[in-house]
Amino acid sequence: MRHVIDGRTCDVKVPNSRDGGNPLSCKVFVGRTTEDITAEDLREYFEKFGEVTDVFIPKPFRAFSFVTFLDPEIAQRLCGEDHIIKGVSVNISSATPKADNNRGARGGGGSNYGGSN
């Protein structure tokens, strides 16, 4: 179910795993994006794989974005692949939260998610 809190859209999700393991993420990290690639470009490209529920490009621009799918299986299937979007080779990896002990290790700040490149 979607909610809006302080003007930001939020999804409430129940983990897919009942055995205490890591649930599959619906979100992928899209690395090596350029400023010419818009959220609409990403949505249009990735919708051919499955339903896209959200596209996030950080402001100011930081050469990455996140795409969230309705189905976590689709997101996981795309991980580890390179795709060409508007002539740019982008890399898809799992959008997993950084461990607290690694936060800030790459120059810090910003998002709590990162790609596993």
PDB file of N, CA and C in Angstrom:
ATOM      1  N   MET A   1       0.839  -1.180   0.000  1.00  0.00           N
ATOM      2  CA  MET A   1       0.000   0.000   0.000  1.00  0.00           C
ATOM      3  C   MET A   1       0.883   1.243   0.000  1.00  0.00           C
ATOM      4  N   ARG A   2       0.521   2.239  -0.788  1.00  0.00           N
ATOM      5  CA  ARG A   2       1.300   3.478  -0.885  1.00  0.00           C
ATOM      6  C   ARG A   2       0.763   4.528   0.075  1.00  0.00           C
ATOM      7  N   HIS A   3       1.682   5.294   0.630  1.00  0.00           N
ATOM      8  CA  HIS A   3       1.354   6.404   1.516  1.00  0.00           C
ATOM      9  C   HIS A   3       2.191   7.600   1.100  1.00  0.00           C
ATOM     10  N   VAL A   4       1.729   8.799   1.428  1.00  0.00           N
ATOM     11  CA  VAL A   4       2.507  10.001   1.203  1.00  0.00           C
ATOM     12  C   VAL A   4       2.783  10.629   2.563  1.00  0.00           C
ATOM     13  N   ILE A   5       4.078  10.792   2.876  1.00  0.00           N
ATOM     14  CA  ILE A   5       4.496  11.366   4.148  1.00  0.00           C
ATOM     15  C   ILE A   5       5.413  12.538   3.830  1.00  0.00           C
ATOM     16  N   ASP A   6       5.049  13.725   4.284  1.00  0.00           N
ATOM     17  CA  ASP A   6       5.824  14.942   3.999  1.00  0.00           C
ATOM     18  C   ASP A   6       6.132  15.086   2.519  1.00  0.00           C
ATOM     19  N   GLY A   7       5.141  14.777   1.675  1.00  0.00           N
ATOM     20  CA  GLY A   7       5.292  14.950   0.242  1.00  0.00           C
ATOM     21  C   GLY A   7       6.073  13.854  -0.464  1.00  0.00           C
ATOM     22  N   ARG A   8       6.519  12.826   0.246  1.00  0.00           N
ATOM     23  CA  ARG A   8       7.271  11.720  -0.371  1.00  0.00           C
ATOM     24  C   ARG A   8       6.426  10.463  -0.360  1.00  0.00           C
ATOM     25  N   THR A   9       6.455   9.739  -1.475  1.00  0.00           N
ATOM     26  CA  THR A   9       5.703   8.498  -1.581  1.00  0.00           C
ATOM     27  C   THR A   9       6.453   7.380  -0.875  1.00  0.00           C
ATOM     28  N   CYS A  10       5.735   6.622  -0.059  1.00  0.00           N
ATOM     29  CA  CYS A  10       6.327   5.512   0.698  1.00  0.00           C
ATOM     30  C   CYS A  10       5.517   4.244   0.441  1.00  0.00           C
ATOM     31  N   ASP A  11       6.206   3.108   0.348  1.00  0.00           N
ATOM     32  CA  ASP A  11       5.557   1.811   0.209  1.00  0.00           C
ATOM     33  C   ASP A  11       5.744   1.030   1.496  1.00  0.00           C
ATOM     34  N   VAL A  12       4.672   0.434   1.987  1.00  0.00           N
ATOM     35  CA  VAL A  12       4.745  -0.445   3.137  1.00  0.00           C
ATOM     36  C   VAL A  12       4.699  -1.858   2.594  1.00  0.00           C
ATOM     37  N   LYS A  13       5.717  -2.661   2.940  1.00  0.00           N
ATOM     38  CA  LYS A  13       5.808  -4.011   2.392  1.00  0.00           C
ATOM     39  C   LYS A  13       6.047  -5.014   3.500  1.00  0.00           C
ATOM     40  N   VAL A  14       5.509  -6.203   3.320  1.00  0.00           N
ATOM     41  CA  VAL A  14       5.743  -7.313   4.226  1.00  0.00           C
ATOM     42  C   VAL A  14       6.863  -8.151   3.613  1.00  0.00           C
ATOM     43  N   PRO A  15       7.873  -8.530   4.392  1.00  0.00           N
ATOM     44  CA  PRO A  15       8.965  -9.330   3.837  1.00  0.00           C
ATOM     45  C   PRO A  15       8.449 -10.624   3.216  1.00  0.00           C
ATOM     46  N   ASN A  16       9.139 -11.096   2.161  1.00  0.00           N
ATOM     47  CA  ASN A  16       8.755 -12.328   1.478  1.00  0.00           C
ATOM     48  C   ASN A  16       9.178 -13.565   2.239  1.00  0.00           C
ATOM     49  N   SER A  17      10.093 -13.422   3.165  1.00  0.00           N
ATOM     50  CA  SER A  17      10.655 -14.564   3.855  1.00  0.00           C
ATOM     51  C   SER A  17       9.994 -14.744   5.211  1.00  0.00           C
ATOM     52  N   ARG A  18       9.610 -15.988   5.526  1.00  0.00           N
ATOM     53  CA  ARG A  18       9.031 -16.285   6.834  1.00  0.00           C
ATOM     54  C   ARG A  18      10.033 -16.984   7.733  1.00  0.00           C
ATOM     55  N   ASP A  19      11.173 -17.397   7.166  1.00  0.00           N
ATOM     56  CA  ASP A  19      12.148 -18.152   7.945  1.00  0.00           C
ATOM     57  C   ASP A  19      13.258 -17.284   8.529  1.00  0.00           C
ATOM     58  N   GLY A  20      13.099 -15.980   8.492  1.00  0.00           N
ATOM     59  CA  GLY A  20      14.090 -15.078   9.078  1.00  0.00           C
ATOM     60  C   GLY A  20      15.228 -14.725   8.144  1.00  0.00           C
ATOM     61  N   GLY A  21      15.233 -15.273   6.920  1.00  0.00           N
ATOM     62  CA  GLY A  21      16.269 -14.948   5.947  1.00  0.00           C
ATOM     63  C   GLY A  21      16.017 -13.583   5.355  1.00  0.00           C
ATOM     64  N   ASN A  22      16.888 -13.169   4.450  1.00  0.00           N
ATOM     65  CA  ASN A  22      16.723 -11.874   3.808  1.00  0.00           C
ATOM     66  C   ASN A  22      15.616 -11.933   2.772  1.00  0.00           C
ATOM     67  N   PRO A  23      14.641 -11.042   2.843  1.00  0.00           N
ATOM     68  CA  PRO A  23      13.600 -11.014   1.818  1.00  0.00           C
ATOM     69  C   PRO A  23      14.173 -10.508   0.502  1.00  0.00           C
ATOM     70  N   LEU A  24      13.579 -10.907  -0.606  1.00  0.00           N
ATOM     71  CA  LEU A  24      14.016 -10.424  -1.911  1.00  0.00           C
ATOM     72  C   LEU A  24      13.606  -8.973  -2.057  1.00  0.00           C
ATOM     73  N   SER A  25      14.514  -8.167  -2.569  1.00  0.00           N
ATOM     74  CA  SER A  25      14.236  -6.754  -2.753  1.00  0.00           C
ATOM     75  C   SER A  25      13.585  -6.522  -4.112  1.00  0.00           C
ATOM     76  N   CYS A  26      12.646  -5.610  -4.153  1.00  0.00           N
ATOM     77  CA  CYS A  26      12.000  -5.204  -5.402  1.00  0.00           C
ATOM     78  C   CYS A  26      12.781  -4.072  -6.065  1.00  0.00           C
ATOM     79  N   LYS A  27      13.763  -3.533  -5.357  1.00  0.00           N
ATOM     80  CA  LYS A  27      14.494  -2.344  -5.818  1.00  0.00           C
ATOM     81  C   LYS A  27      15.857  -2.739  -6.364  1.00  0.00           C
ATOM     82  N   VAL A  28      16.224  -2.116  -7.509  1.00  0.00           N
ATOM     83  CA  VAL A  28      17.556  -2.322  -8.075  1.00  0.00           C
ATOM     84  C   VAL A  28      18.290  -0.990  -8.139  1.00  0.00           C
ATOM     85  N   PHE A  29      19.598  -1.082  -8.045  1.00  0.00           N
ATOM     86  CA  PHE A  29      20.509   0.050  -8.160  1.00  0.00           C
ATOM     87  C   PHE A  29      20.956   0.099  -9.612  1.00  0.00           C
ATOM     88  N   VAL A  30      20.803   1.261 -10.248  1.00  0.00           N
ATOM     89  CA  VAL A  30      21.207   1.435 -11.641  1.00  0.00           C
ATOM     90  C   VAL A  30      22.415   2.365 -11.641  1.00  0.00           C
ATOM     91  N   GLY A  31      23.591   1.786 -11.882  1.00  0.00           N
ATOM     92  CA  GLY A  31      24.833   2.549 -11.843  1.00  0.00           C
ATOM     93  C   GLY A  31      25.268   3.015 -13.223  1.00  0.00           C
ATOM     94  N   ARG A  32      26.097   4.040 -13.253  1.00  0.00           N
ATOM     95  CA  ARG A  32      26.678   4.623 -14.463  1.00  0.00           C
ATOM     96  C   ARG A  32      25.651   5.361 -15.317  1.00  0.00           C
ATOM     97  N   THR A  33      24.627   5.923 -14.693  1.00  0.00           N
ATOM     98  CA  THR A  33      23.663   6.711 -15.464  1.00  0.00           C
ATOM     99  C   THR A  33      24.276   8.079 -15.779  1.00  0.00           C
ATOM    100  N   THR A  34      23.713   8.732 -16.766  1.00  0.00           N
ATOM    101  CA  THR A  34      24.158  10.090 -17.115  1.00  0.00           C
ATOM    102  C   THR A  34      23.004  11.054 -16.863  1.00  0.00           C
ATOM    103  N   GLU A  35      23.309  12.333 -16.878  1.00  0.00           N
ATOM    104  CA  GLU A  35      22.280  13.349 -16.649  1.00  0.00           C
ATOM    105  C   GLU A  35      21.254  13.388 -17.779  1.00  0.00           C
ATOM    106  N   ASP A  36      21.586  12.805 -18.931  1.00  0.00           N
ATOM    107  CA  ASP A  36      20.652  12.768 -20.060  1.00  0.00           C
ATOM    108  C   ASP A  36      19.547  11.733 -19.880  1.00  0.00           C
ATOM    109  N   ILE A  37      19.714  10.805 -18.943  1.00  0.00           N
ATOM    110  CA  ILE A  37      18.718   9.756 -18.712  1.00  0.00           C
ATOM    111  C   ILE A  37      17.738  10.253 -17.655  1.00  0.00           C
ATOM    112  N   THR A  38      16.468  10.358 -18.037  1.00  0.00           N
ATOM    113  CA  THR A  38      15.438  10.860 -17.130  1.00  0.00           C
ATOM    114  C   THR A  38      14.728   9.701 -16.432  1.00  0.00           C
ATOM    115  N   ALA A  39      13.945  10.042 -15.425  1.00  0.00           N
ATOM    116  CA  ALA A  39      13.143   9.036 -14.733  1.00  0.00           C
ATOM    117  C   ALA A  39      12.173   8.372 -15.713  1.00  0.00           C
ATOM    118  N   GLU A  40      11.621   9.141 -16.622  1.00  0.00           N
ATOM    119  CA  GLU A  40      10.703   8.581 -17.618  1.00  0.00           C
ATOM    120  C   GLU A  40      11.422   7.619 -18.555  1.00  0.00           C
ATOM    121  N   ASP A  41      12.669   7.937 -18.933  1.00  0.00           N
ATOM    122  CA  ASP A  41      13.471   7.031 -19.763  1.00  0.00           C
ATOM    123  C   ASP A  41      13.671   5.691 -19.045  1.00  0.00           C
ATOM    124  N   LEU A  42      14.012   5.758 -17.765  1.00  0.00           N
ATOM    125  CA  LEU A  42      14.229   4.537 -16.990  1.00  0.00           C
ATOM    126  C   LEU A  42      12.944   3.737 -16.861  1.00  0.00           C
ATOM    127  N   ARG A  43      11.845   4.424 -16.546  1.00  0.00           N
ATOM    128  CA  ARG A  43      10.553   3.736 -16.411  1.00  0.00           C
ATOM    129  C   ARG A  43      10.181   3.041 -17.716  1.00  0.00           C
ATOM    130  N   GLU A  44      10.291   3.766 -18.820  1.00  0.00           N
ATOM    131  CA  GLU A  44       9.927   3.215 -20.121  1.00  0.00           C
ATOM    132  C   GLU A  44      10.796   1.994 -20.472  1.00  0.00           C
ATOM    133  N   TYR A  45      12.097   2.094 -20.209  1.00  0.00           N
ATOM    134  CA  TYR A  45      13.000   0.988 -20.530  1.00  0.00           C
ATOM    135  C   TYR A  45      12.692  -0.243 -19.679  1.00  0.00           C
ATOM    136  N   PHE A  46      12.576  -0.068 -18.361  1.00  0.00           N
ATOM    137  CA  PHE A  46      12.440  -1.213 -17.465  1.00  0.00           C
ATOM    138  C   PHE A  46      11.031  -1.805 -17.439  1.00  0.00           C
ATOM    139  N   GLU A  47      10.023  -1.077 -17.895  1.00  0.00           N
ATOM    140  CA  GLU A  47       8.674  -1.632 -17.923  1.00  0.00           C
ATOM    141  C   GLU A  47       8.539  -2.791 -18.908  1.00  0.00           C
ATOM    142  N   LYS A  48       9.488  -2.955 -19.826  1.00  0.00           N
ATOM    143  CA  LYS A  48       9.414  -4.111 -20.722  1.00  0.00           C
ATOM    144  C   LYS A  48       9.759  -5.408 -19.985  1.00  0.00           C
ATOM    145  N   PHE A  49      10.348  -5.305 -18.790  1.00  0.00           N
ATOM    146  CA  PHE A  49      10.670  -6.486 -17.986  1.00  0.00           C
ATOM    147  C   PHE A  49       9.571  -6.807 -16.973  1.00  0.00           C
ATOM    148  N   GLY A  50       8.821  -5.796 -16.538  1.00  0.00           N
ATOM    149  CA  GLY A  50       7.770  -5.981 -15.548  1.00  0.00           C
ATOM    150  C   GLY A  50       7.297  -4.636 -15.032  1.00  0.00           C
ATOM    151  N   GLU A  51       6.250  -4.673 -14.208  1.00  0.00           N
ATOM    152  CA  GLU A  51       5.656  -3.425 -13.722  1.00  0.00           C
ATOM    153  C   GLU A  51       6.609  -2.669 -12.800  1.00  0.00           C
ATOM    154  N   VAL A  52       6.867  -1.406 -13.138  1.00  0.00           N
ATOM    155  CA  VAL A  52       7.730  -0.524 -12.356  1.00  0.00           C
ATOM    156  C   VAL A  52       6.837   0.314 -11.444  1.00  0.00           C
ATOM    157  N   THR A  53       7.147   0.301 -10.146  1.00  0.00           N
ATOM    158  CA  THR A  53       6.333   1.068  -9.198  1.00  0.00           C
ATOM    159  C   THR A  53       6.962   2.399  -8.820  1.00  0.00           C
ATOM    160  N   ASP A  54       8.299   2.531  -9.003  1.00  0.00           N
ATOM    161  CA  ASP A  54       8.952   3.782  -8.631  1.00  0.00           C
ATOM    162  C   ASP A  54      10.300   3.902  -9.337  1.00  0.00           C
ATOM    163  N   VAL A  55      10.670   5.129  -9.666  1.00  0.00           N
ATOM    164  CA  VAL A  55      11.994   5.450 -10.202  1.00  0.00           C
ATOM    165  C   VAL A  55      12.501   6.638  -9.397  1.00  0.00           C
ATOM    166  N   PHE A  56      13.726   6.518  -8.881  1.00  0.00           N
ATOM    167  CA  PHE A  56      14.303   7.596  -8.073  1.00  0.00           C
ATOM    168  C   PHE A  56      15.672   7.970  -8.628  1.00  0.00           C
ATOM    169  N   ILE A  57      15.847   9.238  -8.964  1.00  0.00           N
ATOM    170  CA  ILE A  57      17.139   9.792  -9.368  1.00  0.00           C
ATOM    171  C   ILE A  57      17.477  10.867  -8.343  1.00  0.00           C
ATOM    172  N   PRO A  58      18.605  10.709  -7.623  1.00  0.00           N
ATOM    173  CA  PRO A  58      18.931  11.692  -6.581  1.00  0.00           C
ATOM    174  C   PRO A  58      19.227  13.069  -7.151  1.00  0.00           C
ATOM    175  N   LYS A  59      18.872  14.065  -6.388  1.00  0.00           N
ATOM    176  CA  LYS A  59      19.192  15.457  -6.706  1.00  0.00           C
ATOM    177  C   LYS A  59      20.066  15.975  -5.576  1.00  0.00           C
ATOM    178  N   PRO A  60      21.239  16.534  -5.801  1.00  0.00           N
ATOM    179  CA  PRO A  60      21.860  16.731  -7.105  1.00  0.00           C
ATOM    180  C   PRO A  60      22.241  15.387  -7.729  1.00  0.00           C
ATOM    181  N   PHE A  61      22.450  15.407  -9.036  1.00  0.00           N
ATOM    182  CA  PHE A  61      22.765  14.212  -9.806  1.00  0.00           C
ATOM    183  C   PHE A  61      24.030  13.545  -9.275  1.00  0.00           C
ATOM    184  N   ARG A  62      23.980  12.184  -9.149  1.00  0.00           N
ATOM    185  CA  ARG A  62      25.118  11.445  -8.593  1.00  0.00           C
ATOM    186  C   ARG A  62      25.478  10.204  -9.422  1.00  0.00           C
ATOM    187  N   ALA A  63      25.056  10.127 -10.694  1.00  0.00           N
ATOM    188  CA  ALA A  63      25.421   9.045 -11.625  1.00  0.00           C
ATOM    189  C   ALA A  63      24.856   7.687 -11.248  1.00  0.00           C
ATOM    190  N   PHE A  64      23.760   7.662 -10.484  1.00  0.00           N
ATOM    191  CA  PHE A  64      23.060   6.417 -10.225  1.00  0.00           C
ATOM    192  C   PHE A  64      21.595   6.720  -9.997  1.00  0.00           C
ATOM    193  N   SER A  65      20.801   5.664 -10.010  1.00  0.00           N
ATOM    194  CA  SER A  65      19.374   5.802  -9.717  1.00  0.00           C
ATOM    195  C   SER A  65      18.877   4.485  -9.150  1.00  0.00           C
ATOM    196  N   PHE A  66      17.609   4.475  -8.735  1.00  0.00           N
ATOM    197  CA  PHE A  66      16.972   3.266  -8.238  1.00  0.00           C
ATOM    198  C   PHE A  66      15.681   3.053  -9.011  1.00  0.00           C
ATOM    199  N   VAL A  67      15.412   1.794  -9.340  1.00  0.00           N
ATOM    200  CA  VAL A  67      14.161   1.417  -9.988  1.00  0.00           C
ATOM    201  C   VAL A  67      13.525   0.342  -9.118  1.00  0.00           C
ATOM    202  N   THR A  68      12.244   0.507  -8.792  1.00  0.00           N
ATOM    203  CA  THR A  68      11.525  -0.454  -7.964  1.00  0.00           C
ATOM    204  C   THR A  68      10.468  -1.150  -8.806  1.00  0.00           C
ATOM    205  N   PHE A  69      10.471  -2.474  -8.743  1.00  0.00           N
ATOM    206  CA  PHE A  69       9.506  -3.294  -9.468  1.00  0.00           C
ATOM    207  C   PHE A  69       8.451  -3.815  -8.515  1.00  0.00           C
ATOM    208  N   LEU A  70       7.289  -4.147  -9.050  1.00  0.00           N
ATOM    209  CA  LEU A  70       6.241  -4.763  -8.252  1.00  0.00           C
ATOM    210  C   LEU A  70       6.662  -6.170  -7.827  1.00  0.00           C
ATOM    211  N   ASP A  71       7.324  -6.899  -8.721  1.00  0.00           N
ATOM    212  CA  ASP A  71       7.712  -8.293  -8.488  1.00  0.00           C
ATOM    213  C   ASP A  71       9.201  -8.384  -8.145  1.00  0.00           C
ATOM    214  N   PRO A  72       9.554  -8.870  -6.946  1.00  0.00           N
ATOM    215  CA  PRO A  72      10.967  -8.957  -6.577  1.00  0.00           C
ATOM    216  C   PRO A  72      11.750  -9.939  -7.453  1.00  0.00           C
ATOM    217  N   GLU A  73      11.091 -10.932  -8.024  1.00  0.00           N
ATOM    218  CA  GLU A  73      11.778 -11.893  -8.901  1.00  0.00           C
ATOM    219  C   GLU A  73      12.344 -11.193 -10.136  1.00  0.00           C
ATOM    220  N   ILE A  74      11.600 -10.256 -10.689  1.00  0.00           N
ATOM    221  CA  ILE A  74      12.075  -9.511 -11.858  1.00  0.00           C
ATOM    222  C   ILE A  74      13.297  -8.690 -11.478  1.00  0.00           C
ATOM    223  N   ALA A  75      13.224  -8.013 -10.343  1.00  0.00           N
ATOM    224  CA  ALA A  75      14.355  -7.195  -9.890  1.00  0.00           C
ATOM    225  C   ALA A  75      15.601  -8.055  -9.727  1.00  0.00           C
ATOM    226  N   GLN A  76      15.466  -9.201  -9.101  1.00  0.00           N
ATOM    227  CA  GLN A  76      16.621 -10.065  -8.862  1.00  0.00           C
ATOM    228  C   GLN A  76      17.181 -10.641 -10.156  1.00  0.00           C
ATOM    229  N   ARG A  77      16.320 -10.926 -11.115  1.00  0.00           N
ATOM    230  CA  ARG A  77      16.747 -11.474 -12.401  1.00  0.00           C
ATOM    231  C   ARG A  77      17.614 -10.481 -13.183  1.00  0.00           C
ATOM    232  N   LEU A  78      17.372  -9.188 -13.009  1.00  0.00           N
ATOM    233  CA  LEU A  78      18.122  -8.160 -13.734  1.00  0.00           C
ATOM    234  C   LEU A  78      19.494  -7.872 -13.123  1.00  0.00           C
ATOM    235  N   CYS A  79      19.687  -8.238 -11.869  1.00  0.00           N
ATOM    236  CA  CYS A  79      20.930  -7.921 -11.164  1.00  0.00           C
ATOM    237  C   CYS A  79      22.141  -8.576 -11.828  1.00  0.00           C
ATOM    238  N   GLY A  80      23.226  -7.812 -11.887  1.00  0.00           N
ATOM    239  CA  GLY A  80      24.468  -8.295 -12.467  1.00  0.00           C
ATOM    240  C   GLY A  80      24.564  -8.091 -13.969  1.00  0.00           C
ATOM    241  N   GLU A  81      23.530  -7.535 -14.570  1.00  0.00           N
ATOM    242  CA  GLU A  81      23.518  -7.321 -16.012  1.00  0.00           C
ATOM    243  C   GLU A  81      23.820  -5.866 -16.354  1.00  0.00           C
ATOM    244  N   ASP A  82      24.353  -5.683 -17.569  1.00  0.00           N
ATOM    245  CA  ASP A  82      24.505  -4.347 -18.126  1.00  0.00           C
ATOM    246  C   ASP A  82      23.405  -4.150 -19.164  1.00  0.00           C
ATOM    247  N   HIS A  83      22.873  -2.958 -19.240  1.00  0.00           N
ATOM    248  CA  HIS A  83      21.822  -2.612 -20.199  1.00  0.00           C
ATOM    249  C   HIS A  83      22.210  -1.315 -20.885  1.00  0.00           C
ATOM    250  N   ILE A  84      21.778  -1.149 -22.128  1.00  0.00           N
ATOM    251  CA  ILE A  84      22.042   0.083 -22.883  1.00  0.00           C
ATOM    252  C   ILE A  84      20.767   0.924 -22.890  1.00  0.00           C
ATOM    253  N   ILE A  85      20.837   2.108 -22.276  1.00  0.00           N
ATOM    254  CA  ILE A  85      19.705   3.034 -22.223  1.00  0.00           C
ATOM    255  C   ILE A  85      20.172   4.356 -22.811  1.00  0.00           C
ATOM    256  N   LYS A  86      19.530   4.780 -23.884  1.00  0.00           N
ATOM    257  CA  LYS A  86      19.902   6.017 -24.581  1.00  0.00           C
ATOM    258  C   LYS A  86      21.394   6.031 -24.921  1.00  0.00           C
ATOM    259  N   GLY A  87      21.905   4.884 -25.365  1.00  0.00           N
ATOM    260  CA  GLY A  87      23.301   4.780 -25.781  1.00  0.00           C
ATOM    261  C   GLY A  87      24.303   4.671 -24.647  1.00  0.00           C
ATOM    262  N   VAL A  88      23.836   4.557 -23.405  1.00  0.00           N
ATOM    263  CA  VAL A  88      24.708   4.494 -22.238  1.00  0.00           C
ATOM    264  C   VAL A  88      24.616   3.106 -21.617  1.00  0.00           C
ATOM    265  N   SER A  89      25.766   2.483 -21.350  1.00  0.00           N
ATOM    266  CA  SER A  89      25.802   1.184 -20.688  1.00  0.00           C
ATOM    267  C   SER A  89      25.664   1.398 -19.184  1.00  0.00           C
ATOM    268  N   VAL A  90      24.552   0.930 -18.619  1.00  0.00           N
ATOM    269  CA  VAL A  90      24.321   1.048 -17.185  1.00  0.00           C
ATOM    270  C   VAL A  90      24.417  -0.342 -16.567  1.00  0.00           C
ATOM    271  N   ASN A  91      24.789  -0.404 -15.301  1.00  0.00           N
ATOM    272  CA  ASN A  91      24.911  -1.667 -14.597  1.00  0.00           C
ATOM    273  C   ASN A  91      23.825  -1.784 -13.550  1.00  0.00           C
ATOM    274  N   ILE A  92      23.205  -2.968 -13.486  1.00  0.00           N
ATOM    275  CA  ILE A  92      22.118  -3.215 -12.542  1.00  0.00           C
ATOM    276  C   ILE A  92      22.631  -4.115 -11.428  1.00  0.00           C
ATOM    277  N   SER A  93      22.405  -3.704 -10.189  1.00  0.00           N
ATOM    278  CA  SER A  93      22.767  -4.541  -9.049  1.00  0.00           C
ATOM    279  C   SER A  93      21.695  -4.397  -7.974  1.00  0.00           C
ATOM    280  N   SER A  94      21.778  -5.269  -6.995  1.00  0.00           N
ATOM    281  CA  SER A  94      20.786  -5.260  -5.928  1.00  0.00           C
ATOM    282  C   SER A  94      20.918  -3.992  -5.096  1.00  0.00           C
ATOM    283  N   ALA A  95      19.801  -3.392  -4.765  1.00  0.00           N
ATOM    284  CA  ALA A  95      19.799  -2.190  -3.925  1.00  0.00           C
ATOM    285  C   ALA A  95      19.643  -2.627  -2.483  1.00  0.00           C
ATOM    286  N   THR A  96      20.766  -2.947  -1.856  1.00  0.00           N
ATOM    287  CA  THR A  96      20.736  -3.406  -0.475  1.00  0.00           C
ATOM    288  C   THR A  96      21.265  -2.312   0.432  1.00  0.00           C
ATOM    289  N   PRO A  97      20.668  -2.173   1.620  1.00  0.00           N
ATOM    290  CA  PRO A  97      21.162  -1.134   2.537  1.00  0.00           C
ATOM    291  C   PRO A  97      22.624  -1.379   2.896  1.00  0.00           C
ATOM    292  N   LYS A  98      23.378  -0.292   2.979  1.00  0.00           N
ATOM    293  CA  LYS A  98      24.762  -0.406   3.416  1.00  0.00           C
ATOM    294  C   LYS A  98      24.776  -0.786   4.887  1.00  0.00           C
ATOM    295  N   ALA A  99      25.776  -1.563   5.296  1.00  0.00           N
ATOM    296  CA  ALA A  99      25.935  -1.881   6.713  1.00  0.00           C
ATOM    297  C   ALA A  99      26.302  -0.599   7.447  1.00  0.00           C
ATOM    298  N   ASP A 100      25.834  -0.470   8.687  1.00  0.00           N
ATOM    299  CA  ASP A 100      26.107   0.750   9.452  1.00  0.00           C
ATOM    300  C   ASP A 100      27.594   1.036   9.582  1.00  0.00           C
ATOM    301  N   ASN A 101      28.424  -0.019   9.661  1.00  0.00           N
ATOM    302  CA  ASN A 101      29.848   0.209   9.821  1.00  0.00           C
ATOM    303  C   ASN A 101      30.511   0.674   8.529  1.00  0.00           C
ATOM    304  N   ASN A 102      29.825   0.581   7.393  1.00  0.00           N
ATOM    305  CA  ASN A 102      30.381   1.048   6.127  1.00  0.00           C
ATOM    306  C   ASN A 102      29.874   2.431   5.746  1.00  0.00           C
ATOM    307  N   ARG A 103      28.903   2.954   6.458  1.00  0.00           N
ATOM    308  CA  ARG A 103      28.307   4.232   6.097  1.00  0.00           C
ATOM    309  C   ARG A 103      29.365   5.327   6.110  1.00  0.00           C
ATOM    310  N   GLY A 104      29.432   6.043   5.013  1.00  0.00           N
ATOM    311  CA  GLY A 104      30.375   7.144   4.923  1.00  0.00           C
ATOM    312  C   GLY A 104      31.746   6.728   4.427  1.00  0.00           C
ATOM    313  N   ALA A 105      31.965   5.455   4.187  1.00  0.00           N
ATOM    314  CA  ALA A 105      33.284   4.986   3.784  1.00  0.00           C
ATOM    315  C   ALA A 105      33.675   5.474   2.390  1.00  0.00           C
ATOM    316  N   ARG A 106      32.693   5.812   1.540  1.00  0.00           N
ATOM    317  CA  ARG A 106      32.991   6.243   0.176  1.00  0.00           C
ATOM    318  C   ARG A 106      32.744   7.729   0.001  1.00  0.00           C
ATOM    319  N   GLY A 107      32.961   8.509   1.015  1.00  0.00           N
ATOM    320  CA  GLY A 107      32.750   9.943   0.862  1.00  0.00           C
ATOM    321  C   GLY A 107      31.489  10.394   1.548  1.00  0.00           C
ATOM    322  N   GLY A 108      30.680   9.425   1.971  1.00  0.00           N
ATOM    323  CA  GLY A 108      29.598   9.636   2.906  1.00  0.00           C
ATOM    324  C   GLY A 108      28.394  10.417   2.453  1.00  0.00           C
ATOM    325  N   GLY A 109      27.430  10.380   3.334  1.00  0.00           N
ATOM    326  CA  GLY A 109      26.218  11.158   3.166  1.00  0.00           C
ATOM    327  C   GLY A 109      25.254  10.576   2.179  1.00  0.00           C
ATOM    328  N   GLY A 110      24.097  11.193   2.104  1.00  0.00           N
ATOM    329  CA  GLY A 110      23.122  10.852   1.087  1.00  0.00           C
ATOM    330  C   GLY A 110      22.347   9.604   1.380  1.00  0.00           C
ATOM    331  N   SER A 111      22.207   8.767   0.392  1.00  0.00           N
ATOM    332  CA  SER A 111      21.354   7.597   0.427  1.00  0.00           C
ATOM    333  C   SER A 111      21.884   6.518   1.354  1.00  0.00           C
ATOM    334  N   ASN A 112      20.983   5.731   1.922  1.00  0.00           N
ATOM    335  CA  ASN A 112      21.361   4.588   2.726  1.00  0.00           C
ATOM    336  C   ASN A 112      21.451   3.331   1.891  1.00  0.00           C
ATOM    337  N   TYR A 113      21.402   3.447   0.582  1.00  0.00           N
ATOM    338  CA  TYR A 113      21.466   2.300  -0.299  1.00  0.00           C
ATOM    339  C   TYR A 113      22.649   2.449  -1.221  1.00  0.00           C
ATOM    340  N   GLY A 114      23.148   1.321  -1.683  1.00  0.00           N
ATOM    341  CA  GLY A 114      24.259   1.377  -2.617  1.00  0.00           C
ATOM    342  C   GLY A 114      24.293   0.123  -3.444  1.00  0.00           C
ATOM    343  N   GLY A 115      24.942   0.184  -4.548  1.00  0.00           N
ATOM    344  CA  GLY A 115      25.073  -0.979  -5.418  1.00  0.00           C
ATOM    345  C   GLY A 115      26.265  -1.810  -4.985  1.00  0.00           C
ATOM    346  N   SER A 116      26.244  -3.056  -5.390  1.00  0.00           N
ATOM    347  CA  SER A 116      27.361  -3.941  -5.074  1.00  0.00           C
ATOM    348  C   SER A 116      28.199  -4.124  -6.316  1.00  0.00           C
ATOM    349  N   ASN A 117      28.984  -3.120  -6.675  1.00  0.00           N
ATOM    350  CA  ASN A 117      29.800  -3.163  -7.894  1.00  0.00           C
ATOM    351  C   ASN A 117      31.134  -3.762  -7.630  1.00  0.00           C
TER     352      ASN A 117
END
